[in-house]
Amino acid sequence: METRYTILVKGRLDPRWAREFEPLKVVPRDDGTTALTGGLPDGCSLFAHLRRVESCGLSLVSVTPEGGR
């Protein structure tokens, strides 16, 4: 069963980053951050996306599972 997440990074990413983070959606926010949102099948997939955030030189702000605080 997949879990929905919001991975928040500093900066406003251009929509061209969408392919890099599939299946997550790239959603620039008005506060100067970008949310990567969507469902991931398991923890391995979540950590792969977090490694991708790091390898792209992005600054991680938070990771929130759906229903999380």
Protein backbone atom coordinates (compact mmCIF):
# COMPACT_ATOMS: atom_id res chain seq x y z
CA MET A 1 0.00 0.00 0.00
CA GLU A 2 1.46 3.36 -0.96
CA THR A 3 1.83 6.29 1.40
CA ARG A 4 1.37 9.89 0.28
CA TYR A 5 4.15 12.31 1.19
CA THR A 6 5.01 15.97 0.93
CA ILE A 7 8.75 16.54 0.64
CA LEU A 8 9.47 20.23 1.05
CA VAL A 9 12.68 21.76 -0.36
CA LYS A 10 14.10 25.29 -0.34
CA GLY A 11 13.76 27.26 -3.55
CA ARG A 12 11.23 27.36 -6.34
CA LEU A 13 11.91 24.54 -8.75
CA ASP A 14 11.04 24.92 -12.39
CA PRO A 15 8.44 22.41 -13.67
CA ARG A 16 11.19 20.82 -15.83
CA TRP A 17 12.29 19.05 -12.62
CA ALA A 18 9.10 16.98 -12.78
CA ARG A 19 10.77 14.09 -14.63
CA GLU A 20 13.53 13.91 -12.02
CA PHE A 21 11.05 13.30 -9.20
CA GLU A 22 8.36 11.14 -10.83
CA PRO A 23 5.87 9.98 -9.68
CA LEU A 24 5.80 12.98 -7.33
CA LYS A 25 4.36 16.30 -8.50
CA VAL A 26 6.56 19.40 -8.34
CA VAL A 27 4.51 22.22 -6.80
CA PRO A 28 6.25 25.61 -6.35
CA ARG A 29 4.86 27.52 -3.35
CA ASP A 30 4.47 31.26 -2.77
CA ASP A 31 6.81 31.13 0.23
CA GLY A 32 9.84 30.32 -1.95
CA THR A 33 9.81 26.58 -1.33
CA THR A 34 8.75 23.68 -3.54
CA ALA A 35 6.61 20.73 -2.46
CA LEU A 36 7.17 17.31 -4.01
CA THR A 37 3.87 15.54 -3.39
CA GLY A 38 2.38 12.18 -4.16
CA GLY A 39 2.27 8.51 -3.31
CA LEU A 40 5.28 6.24 -2.93
CA PRO A 41 5.03 2.46 -2.65
CA ASP A 42 7.49 1.89 0.19
CA GLY A 43 10.30 3.24 2.36
CA CYS A 44 12.95 2.36 -0.22
CA SER A 45 11.26 4.62 -2.74
CA LEU A 46 11.02 7.44 -0.19
CA PHE A 47 14.73 7.20 0.61
CA ALA A 48 15.59 7.05 -3.10
CA HIS A 49 13.75 10.36 -3.57
CA LEU A 50 15.52 11.87 -0.57
CA ARG A 51 18.89 10.79 -2.04
CA ARG A 52 17.83 12.42 -5.31
CA VAL A 53 17.05 15.67 -3.44
CA GLU A 54 20.57 15.55 -1.98
CA SER A 55 22.29 14.63 -5.26
CA CYS A 56 20.56 17.55 -7.00
CA GLY A 57 22.00 19.91 -4.40
CA LEU A 58 18.61 20.85 -2.96
CA SER A 59 18.08 21.77 0.70
CA LEU A 60 15.53 19.58 2.44
CA VAL A 61 13.06 21.44 4.68
CA SER A 62 10.74 18.63 5.77
CA VAL A 63 9.17 15.27 4.96
CA THR A 64 5.54 14.83 5.97
CA PRO A 65 3.45 11.69 5.42
CA GLU A 66 -0.24 12.24 4.68
CA GLY A 67 -2.02 12.64 7.95
CA GLY A 68 1.31 13.44 9.65
CA ARG A 69 2.09 16.53 11.66
